[in-house]
Amino acid sequence: MTPEQRKFRAVDAKQLLESPIFVEAWEAVEKHLSMAALTCDPDDQKKAQRIIISQQLLAAVKREITRIVQDGLMAEIQLSEIE
């Protein structure tokens, strides 16, 4: 992927992270998973494990989107060094 493409992807990723609907949905899912973890029967190991995996996946999605934003910033630096 070219630095220009990385830069444009970063713009899209940043807009996504800052989108009010995305933020609202993210917070709702995060809250739901936290509540599920708090109210989960401690003896139900399978359910607890699914909740933890869901929380980890949610965090991984945000990390990946953030990584794309950071990669775009690096691409901007590369482009400015070329010019």
PDB file of N, CA and C in Angstrom:
ATOM      1  N   MET A   1       0.850  -1.175   0.000  1.00  0.00           N
ATOM      2  CA  MET A   1       0.000   0.000   0.000  1.00  0.00           C
ATOM      3  C   MET A   1       0.899   1.244   0.000  1.00  0.00           C
ATOM      4  N   THR A   2       0.552   2.202  -0.814  1.00  0.00           N
ATOM      5  CA  THR A   2       1.370   3.409  -0.921  1.00  0.00           C
ATOM      6  C   THR A   2       1.140   4.303   0.298  1.00  0.00           C
ATOM      7  N   PRO A   3       2.086   5.206   0.559  1.00  0.00           N
ATOM      8  CA  PRO A   3       1.892   6.138   1.668  1.00  0.00           C
ATOM      9  C   PRO A   3       0.622   6.989   1.503  1.00  0.00           C
ATOM     10  N   GLU A   4       0.291   7.330   0.263  1.00  0.00           N
ATOM     11  CA  GLU A   4      -0.922   8.111   0.022  1.00  0.00           C
ATOM     12  C   GLU A   4      -2.168   7.316   0.418  1.00  0.00           C
ATOM     13  N   GLN A   5      -2.189   6.041   0.038  1.00  0.00           N
ATOM     14  CA  GLN A   5      -3.324   5.187   0.386  1.00  0.00           C
ATOM     15  C   GLN A   5      -3.432   5.022   1.903  1.00  0.00           C
ATOM     16  N   ARG A   6      -2.298   4.844   2.565  1.00  0.00           N
ATOM     17  CA  ARG A   6      -2.292   4.716   4.024  1.00  0.00           C
ATOM     18  C   ARG A   6      -2.811   5.987   4.684  1.00  0.00           C
ATOM     19  N   LYS A   7      -2.435   7.120   4.119  1.00  0.00           N
ATOM     20  CA  LYS A   7      -2.878   8.402   4.663  1.00  0.00           C
ATOM     21  C   LYS A   7      -4.402   8.536   4.535  1.00  0.00           C
ATOM     22  N   PHE A   8      -4.953   8.185   3.380  1.00  0.00           N
ATOM     23  CA  PHE A   8      -6.401   8.286   3.178  1.00  0.00           C
ATOM     24  C   PHE A   8      -7.159   7.291   4.056  1.00  0.00           C
ATOM     25  N   ARG A   9      -6.605   6.089   4.217  1.00  0.00           N
ATOM     26  CA  ARG A   9      -7.236   5.107   5.123  1.00  0.00           C
ATOM     27  C   ARG A   9      -7.276   5.642   6.547  1.00  0.00           C
ATOM     28  N   ALA A  10      -6.211   6.319   6.939  1.00  0.00           N
ATOM     29  CA  ALA A  10      -6.133   6.868   8.292  1.00  0.00           C
ATOM     30  C   ALA A  10      -7.211   7.920   8.518  1.00  0.00           C
ATOM     31  N   VAL A  11      -7.464   8.718   7.505  1.00  0.00           N
ATOM     32  CA  VAL A  11      -8.519   9.732   7.613  1.00  0.00           C
ATOM     33  C   VAL A  11      -9.868   9.048   7.846  1.00  0.00           C
ATOM     34  N   ASP A  12     -10.138   8.017   7.068  1.00  0.00           N
ATOM     35  CA  ASP A  12     -11.392   7.267   7.231  1.00  0.00           C
ATOM     36  C   ASP A  12     -11.480   6.634   8.622  1.00  0.00           C
ATOM     37  N   ALA A  13     -10.382   6.045   9.071  1.00  0.00           N
ATOM     38  CA  ALA A  13     -10.371   5.386  10.382  1.00  0.00           C
ATOM     39  C   ALA A  13     -10.593   6.405  11.500  1.00  0.00           C
ATOM     40  N   LYS A  14      -9.978   7.561  11.381  1.00  0.00           N
ATOM     41  CA  LYS A  14     -10.136   8.599  12.401  1.00  0.00           C
ATOM     42  C   LYS A  14     -11.586   9.099  12.435  1.00  0.00           C
ATOM     43  N   GLN A  15     -12.165   9.288  11.252  1.00  0.00           N
ATOM     44  CA  GLN A  15     -13.567   9.719  11.196  1.00  0.00           C
ATOM     45  C   GLN A  15     -14.472   8.671  11.838  1.00  0.00           C
ATOM     46  N   LEU A  16     -14.162   7.413  11.614  1.00  0.00           N
ATOM     47  CA  LEU A  16     -14.944   6.340  12.223  1.00  0.00           C
ATOM     48  C   LEU A  16     -14.849   6.399  13.746  1.00  0.00           C
ATOM     49  N   LEU A  17     -13.631   6.515  14.270  1.00  0.00           N
ATOM     50  CA  LEU A  17     -13.450   6.571  15.719  1.00  0.00           C
ATOM     51  C   LEU A  17     -14.154   7.771  16.354  1.00  0.00           C
ATOM     52  N   GLU A  18     -14.263   8.851  15.592  1.00  0.00           N
ATOM     53  CA  GLU A  18     -14.866  10.079  16.124  1.00  0.00           C
ATOM     54  C   GLU A  18     -16.348  10.205  15.799  1.00  0.00           C
ATOM     55  N   SER A  19     -16.880   9.275  15.039  1.00  0.00           N
ATOM     56  CA  SER A  19     -18.290   9.317  14.661  1.00  0.00           C
ATOM     57  C   SER A  19     -19.179   9.147  15.897  1.00  0.00           C
ATOM     58  N   PRO A  20     -20.125  10.052  16.107  1.00  0.00           N
ATOM     59  CA  PRO A  20     -21.005   9.944  17.280  1.00  0.00           C
ATOM     60  C   PRO A  20     -21.763   8.617  17.339  1.00  0.00           C
ATOM     61  N   ILE A  21     -22.191   8.109  16.198  1.00  0.00           N
ATOM     62  CA  ILE A  21     -22.920   6.844  16.192  1.00  0.00           C
ATOM     63  C   ILE A  21     -21.995   5.695  16.574  1.00  0.00           C
ATOM     64  N   PHE A  22     -20.770   5.707  16.053  1.00  0.00           N
ATOM     65  CA  PHE A  22     -19.809   4.673  16.401  1.00  0.00           C
ATOM     66  C   PHE A  22     -19.490   4.726  17.887  1.00  0.00           C
ATOM     67  N   VAL A  23     -19.246   5.920  18.401  1.00  0.00           N
ATOM     68  CA  VAL A  23     -18.933   6.087  19.829  1.00  0.00           C
ATOM     69  C   VAL A  23     -20.098   5.588  20.682  1.00  0.00           C
ATOM     70  N   GLU A  24     -21.305   5.952  20.305  1.00  0.00           N
ATOM     71  CA  GLU A  24     -22.489   5.516  21.047  1.00  0.00           C
ATOM     72  C   GLU A  24     -22.627   3.995  21.022  1.00  0.00           C
ATOM     73  N   ALA A  25     -22.465   3.407  19.850  1.00  0.00           N
ATOM     74  CA  ALA A  25     -22.575   1.954  19.728  1.00  0.00           C
ATOM     75  C   ALA A  25     -21.468   1.262  20.517  1.00  0.00           C
ATOM     76  N   TRP A  26     -20.261   1.797  20.417  1.00  0.00           N
ATOM     77  CA  TRP A  26     -19.119   1.224  21.126  1.00  0.00           C
ATOM     78  C   TRP A  26     -19.374   1.217  22.632  1.00  0.00           C
ATOM     79  N   GLU A  27     -19.805   2.354  23.139  1.00  0.00           N
ATOM     80  CA  GLU A  27     -20.052   2.467  24.574  1.00  0.00           C
ATOM     81  C   GLU A  27     -21.171   1.540  25.022  1.00  0.00           C
ATOM     82  N   ALA A  28     -22.192   1.379  24.186  1.00  0.00           N
ATOM     83  CA  ALA A  28     -23.305   0.493  24.533  1.00  0.00           C
ATOM     84  C   ALA A  28     -22.838  -0.960  24.616  1.00  0.00           C
ATOM     85  N   VAL A  29     -22.039  -1.392  23.643  1.00  0.00           N
ATOM     86  CA  VAL A  29     -21.550  -2.773  23.652  1.00  0.00           C
ATOM     87  C   VAL A  29     -20.601  -2.979  24.832  1.00  0.00           C
ATOM     88  N   GLU A  30     -19.732  -2.014  25.055  1.00  0.00           N
ATOM     89  CA  GLU A  30     -18.794  -2.101  26.173  1.00  0.00           C
ATOM     90  C   GLU A  30     -19.538  -2.192  27.511  1.00  0.00           C
ATOM     91  N   LYS A  31     -20.557  -1.367  27.657  1.00  0.00           N
ATOM     92  CA  LYS A  31     -21.364  -1.369  28.880  1.00  0.00           C
ATOM     93  C   LYS A  31     -22.094  -2.707  29.035  1.00  0.00           C
ATOM     94  N   HIS A  32     -22.650  -3.203  27.938  1.00  0.00           N
ATOM     95  CA  HIS A  32     -23.358  -4.483  27.974  1.00  0.00           C
ATOM     96  C   HIS A  32     -22.420  -5.608  28.416  1.00  0.00           C
ATOM     97  N   LEU A  33     -21.221  -5.643  27.847  1.00  0.00           N
ATOM     98  CA  LEU A  33     -20.272  -6.689  28.206  1.00  0.00           C
ATOM     99  C   LEU A  33     -19.805  -6.561  29.655  1.00  0.00           C
ATOM    100  N   SER A  34     -19.615  -5.339  30.113  1.00  0.00           N
ATOM    101  CA  SER A  34     -19.220  -5.133  31.509  1.00  0.00           C
ATOM    102  C   SER A  34     -20.317  -5.593  32.454  1.00  0.00           C
ATOM    103  N   MET A  35     -21.555  -5.266  32.112  1.00  0.00           N
ATOM    104  CA  MET A  35     -22.681  -5.685  32.944  1.00  0.00           C
ATOM    105  C   MET A  35     -22.816  -7.207  32.922  1.00  0.00           C
ATOM    106  N   ALA A  36     -22.624  -7.805  31.758  1.00  0.00           N
ATOM    107  CA  ALA A  36     -22.695  -9.258  31.652  1.00  0.00           C
ATOM    108  C   ALA A  36     -21.616  -9.909  32.510  1.00  0.00           C
ATOM    109  N   ALA A  37     -20.423  -9.313  32.538  1.00  0.00           N
ATOM    110  CA  ALA A  37     -19.334  -9.865  33.353  1.00  0.00           C
ATOM    111  C   ALA A  37     -19.660  -9.757  34.842  1.00  0.00           C
ATOM    112  N   LEU A  38     -20.247  -8.632  35.224  1.00  0.00           N
ATOM    113  CA  LEU A  38     -20.574  -8.424  36.644  1.00  0.00           C
ATOM    114  C   LEU A  38     -21.698  -9.331  37.122  1.00  0.00           C
ATOM    115  N   THR A  39     -22.627  -9.649  36.239  1.00  0.00           N
ATOM    116  CA  THR A  39     -23.798 -10.427  36.647  1.00  0.00           C
ATOM    117  C   THR A  39     -23.691 -11.909  36.291  1.00  0.00           C
ATOM    118  N   CYS A  40     -22.579 -12.282  35.706  1.00  0.00           N
ATOM    119  CA  CYS A  40     -22.394 -13.675  35.290  1.00  0.00           C
ATOM    120  C   CYS A  40     -22.237 -14.574  36.517  1.00  0.00           C
ATOM    121  N   ASP A  41     -22.892 -15.695  36.459  1.00  0.00           N
ATOM    122  CA  ASP A  41     -22.746 -16.704  37.512  1.00  0.00           C
ATOM    123  C   ASP A  41     -21.298 -17.192  37.505  1.00  0.00           C
ATOM    124  N   PRO A  42     -20.587 -17.051  38.620  1.00  0.00           N
ATOM    125  CA  PRO A  42     -19.177 -17.447  38.645  1.00  0.00           C
ATOM    126  C   PRO A  42     -18.958 -18.927  38.343  1.00  0.00           C
ATOM    127  N   ASP A  43     -19.986 -19.728  38.536  1.00  0.00           N
ATOM    128  CA  ASP A  43     -19.867 -21.156  38.253  1.00  0.00           C
ATOM    129  C   ASP A  43     -20.034 -21.481  36.766  1.00  0.00           C
ATOM    130  N   ASP A  44     -20.527 -20.507  36.000  1.00  0.00           N
ATOM    131  CA  ASP A  44     -20.729 -20.710  34.556  1.00  0.00           C
ATOM    132  C   ASP A  44     -19.458 -20.280  33.819  1.00  0.00           C
ATOM    133  N   GLN A  45     -18.483 -21.163  33.829  1.00  0.00           N
ATOM    134  CA  GLN A  45     -17.177 -20.833  33.259  1.00  0.00           C
ATOM    135  C   GLN A  45     -17.236 -20.576  31.755  1.00  0.00           C
ATOM    136  N   LYS A  46     -18.072 -21.312  31.057  1.00  0.00           N
ATOM    137  CA  LYS A  46     -18.166 -21.127  29.598  1.00  0.00           C
ATOM    138  C   LYS A  46     -18.710 -19.739  29.262  1.00  0.00           C
ATOM    139  N   LYS A  47     -19.738 -19.325  29.989  1.00  0.00           N
ATOM    140  CA  LYS A  47     -20.312 -17.999  29.737  1.00  0.00           C
ATOM    141  C   LYS A  47     -19.298 -16.914  30.095  1.00  0.00           C
ATOM    142  N   ALA A  48     -18.631 -17.070  31.219  1.00  0.00           N
ATOM    143  CA  ALA A  48     -17.624 -16.085  31.631  1.00  0.00           C
ATOM    144  C   ALA A  48     -16.511 -15.995  30.589  1.00  0.00           C
ATOM    145  N   GLN A  49     -16.109 -17.137  30.076  1.00  0.00           N
ATOM    146  CA  GLN A  49     -15.055 -17.162  29.066  1.00  0.00           C
ATOM    147  C   GLN A  49     -15.505 -16.466  27.780  1.00  0.00           C
ATOM    148  N   ARG A  50     -16.758 -16.685  27.372  1.00  0.00           N
ATOM    149  CA  ARG A  50     -17.283 -16.021  26.163  1.00  0.00           C
ATOM    150  C   ARG A  50     -17.326 -14.511  26.354  1.00  0.00           C
ATOM    151  N   ILE A  51     -17.691 -14.063  27.549  1.00  0.00           N
ATOM    152  CA  ILE A  51     -17.738 -12.627  27.824  1.00  0.00           C
ATOM    153  C   ILE A  51     -16.334 -12.039  27.739  1.00  0.00           C
ATOM    154  N   ILE A  52     -15.374 -12.709  28.332  1.00  0.00           N
ATOM    155  CA  ILE A  52     -13.990 -12.219  28.301  1.00  0.00           C
ATOM    156  C   ILE A  52     -13.462 -12.176  26.871  1.00  0.00           C
ATOM    157  N   ILE A  53     -13.737 -13.214  26.108  1.00  0.00           N
ATOM    158  CA  ILE A  53     -13.298 -13.233  24.701  1.00  0.00           C
ATOM    159  C   ILE A  53     -13.952 -12.092  23.930  1.00  0.00           C
ATOM    160  N   SER A  54     -15.221 -11.844  24.193  1.00  0.00           N
ATOM    161  CA  SER A  54     -15.925 -10.734  23.527  1.00  0.00           C
ATOM    162  C   SER A  54     -15.288  -9.399  23.885  1.00  0.00           C
ATOM    163  N   GLN A  55     -14.943  -9.219  25.146  1.00  0.00           N
ATOM    164  CA  GLN A  55     -14.287  -7.980  25.567  1.00  0.00           C
ATOM    165  C   GLN A  55     -12.924  -7.828  24.901  1.00  0.00           C
ATOM    166  N   GLN A  56     -12.196  -8.934  24.804  1.00  0.00           N
ATOM    167  CA  GLN A  56     -10.887  -8.895  24.156  1.00  0.00           C
ATOM    168  C   GLN A  56     -11.008  -8.577  22.668  1.00  0.00           C
ATOM    169  N   LEU A  57     -12.007  -9.156  22.010  1.00  0.00           N
ATOM    170  CA  LEU A  57     -12.220  -8.868  20.586  1.00  0.00           C
ATOM    171  C   LEU A  57     -12.612  -7.416  20.367  1.00  0.00           C
ATOM    172  N   LEU A  58     -13.452  -6.896  21.247  1.00  0.00           N
ATOM    173  CA  LEU A  58     -13.864  -5.501  21.137  1.00  0.00           C
ATOM    174  C   LEU A  58     -12.645  -4.589  21.250  1.00  0.00           C
ATOM    175  N   ALA A  59     -11.795  -4.867  22.224  1.00  0.00           N
ATOM    176  CA  ALA A  59     -10.577  -4.071  22.396  1.00  0.00           C
ATOM    177  C   ALA A  59      -9.657  -4.214  21.184  1.00  0.00           C
ATOM    178  N   ALA A  60      -9.589  -5.414  20.602  1.00  0.00           N
ATOM    179  CA  ALA A  60      -8.729  -5.641  19.442  1.00  0.00           C
ATOM    180  C   ALA A  60      -9.202  -4.848  18.225  1.00  0.00           C
ATOM    181  N   VAL A  61     -10.503  -4.736  18.064  1.00  0.00           N
ATOM    182  CA  VAL A  61     -11.040  -3.950  16.939  1.00  0.00           C
ATOM    183  C   VAL A  61     -10.619  -2.489  17.082  1.00  0.00           C
ATOM    184  N   LYS A  62     -10.771  -1.948  18.285  1.00  0.00           N
ATOM    185  CA  LYS A  62     -10.384  -0.547  18.487  1.00  0.00           C
ATOM    186  C   LYS A  62      -8.879  -0.365  18.295  1.00  0.00           C
ATOM    187  N   ARG A  63      -8.096  -1.319  18.776  1.00  0.00           N
ATOM    188  CA  ARG A  63      -6.644  -1.245  18.589  1.00  0.00           C
ATOM    189  C   ARG A  63      -6.276  -1.219  17.111  1.00  0.00           C
ATOM    190  N   GLU A  64      -6.955  -2.034  16.313  1.00  0.00           N
ATOM    191  CA  GLU A  64      -6.650  -2.095  14.881  1.00  0.00           C
ATOM    192  C   GLU A  64      -7.022  -0.784  14.183  1.00  0.00           C
ATOM    193  N   ILE A  65      -8.154  -0.225  14.519  1.00  0.00           N
ATOM    194  CA  ILE A  65      -8.557   1.047  13.912  1.00  0.00           C
ATOM    195  C   ILE A  65      -7.570   2.141  14.320  1.00  0.00           C
ATOM    196  N   THR A  66      -7.168   2.140  15.584  1.00  0.00           N
ATOM    197  CA  THR A  66      -6.189   3.113  16.069  1.00  0.00           C
ATOM    198  C   THR A  66      -4.842   2.914  15.374  1.00  0.00           C
ATOM    199  N   ARG A  67      -4.475   1.664  15.129  1.00  0.00           N
ATOM    200  CA  ARG A  67      -3.225   1.379  14.425  1.00  0.00           C
ATOM    201  C   ARG A  67      -3.246   1.944  13.010  1.00  0.00           C
ATOM    202  N   ILE A  68      -4.398   1.856  12.360  1.00  0.00           N
ATOM    203  CA  ILE A  68      -4.527   2.401  11.008  1.00  0.00           C
ATOM    204  C   ILE A  68      -4.346   3.917  11.032  1.00  0.00           C
ATOM    205  N   VAL A  69      -4.906   4.567  12.042  1.00  0.00           N
ATOM    206  CA  VAL A  69      -4.736   6.026  12.186  1.00  0.00           C
ATOM    207  C   VAL A  69      -3.254   6.350  12.372  1.00  0.00           C
ATOM    208  N   GLN A  70      -2.593   5.628  13.261  1.00  0.00           N
ATOM    209  CA  GLN A  70      -1.177   5.876  13.522  1.00  0.00           C
ATOM    210  C   GLN A  70      -0.318   5.585  12.291  1.00  0.00           C
ATOM    211  N   ASP A  71      -0.678   4.558  11.552  1.00  0.00           N
ATOM    212  CA  ASP A  71       0.047   4.235  10.326  1.00  0.00           C
ATOM    213  C   ASP A  71      -0.080   5.377   9.312  1.00  0.00           C
ATOM    214  N   GLY A  72      -1.256   5.994   9.277  1.00  0.00           N
ATOM    215  CA  GLY A  72      -1.449   7.132   8.386  1.00  0.00           C
ATOM    216  C   GLY A  72      -0.596   8.323   8.774  1.00  0.00           C
ATOM    217  N   LEU A  73      -0.423   8.509  10.074  1.00  0.00           N
ATOM    218  CA  LEU A  73       0.451   9.593  10.539  1.00  0.00           C
ATOM    219  C   LEU A  73       1.895   9.324  10.126  1.00  0.00           C
ATOM    220  N   MET A  74       2.308   8.071  10.220  1.00  0.00           N
ATOM    221  CA  MET A  74       3.650   7.712   9.770  1.00  0.00           C
ATOM    222  C   MET A  74       3.790   7.919   8.260  1.00  0.00           C
ATOM    223  N   ALA A  75       2.751   7.601   7.521  1.00  0.00           N
ATOM    224  CA  ALA A  75       2.773   7.797   6.070  1.00  0.00           C
ATOM    225  C   ALA A  75       2.906   9.282   5.737  1.00  0.00           C
ATOM    226  N   GLU A  76       2.224  10.124   6.519  1.00  0.00           N
ATOM    227  CA  GLU A  76       2.352  11.580   6.303  1.00  0.00           C
ATOM    228  C   GLU A  76       3.788  12.026   6.496  1.00  0.00           C
ATOM    229  N   ILE A  77       4.432  11.508   7.527  1.00  0.00           N
ATOM    230  CA  ILE A  77       5.831  11.855   7.784  1.00  0.00           C
ATOM    231  C   ILE A  77       6.703  11.391   6.617  1.00  0.00           C
ATOM    232  N   GLN A  78       6.456  10.184   6.150  1.00  0.00           N
ATOM    233  CA  GLN A  78       7.227   9.673   5.004  1.00  0.00           C
ATOM    234  C   GLN A  78       7.024  10.536   3.774  1.00  0.00           C
ATOM    235  N   LEU A  79       5.796  10.934   3.530  1.00  0.00           N
ATOM    236  CA  LEU A  79       5.517  11.778   2.364  1.00  0.00           C
ATOM    237  C   LEU A  79       6.205  13.135   2.486  1.00  0.00           C
ATOM    238  N   SER A  80       6.219  13.704   3.690  1.00  0.00           N
ATOM    239  CA  SER A  80       6.864  15.013   3.858  1.00  0.00           C
ATOM    240  C   SER A  80       8.383  14.902   3.716  1.00  0.00           C
ATOM    241  N   GLU A  81       8.933  13.758   4.080  1.00  0.00           N
ATOM    242  CA  GLU A  81      10.391  13.566   3.910  1.00  0.00           C
ATOM    243  C   GLU A  81      10.765  13.397   2.445  1.00  0.00           C
ATOM    244  N   ILE A  82       9.859  12.817   1.669  1.00  0.00           N
ATOM    245  CA  ILE A  82      10.108  12.610   0.223  1.00  0.00           C
ATOM    246  C   ILE A  82      10.105  13.939  -0.514  1.00  0.00           C
ATOM    247  N   GLU A  83       9.219  14.825  -0.079  1.00  0.00           N
ATOM    248  CA  GLU A  83       9.074  16.114  -0.790  1.00  0.00           C
ATOM    249  C   GLU A  83      10.136  17.082  -0.440  1.00  0.00           C
TER     250      GLU A  83
END
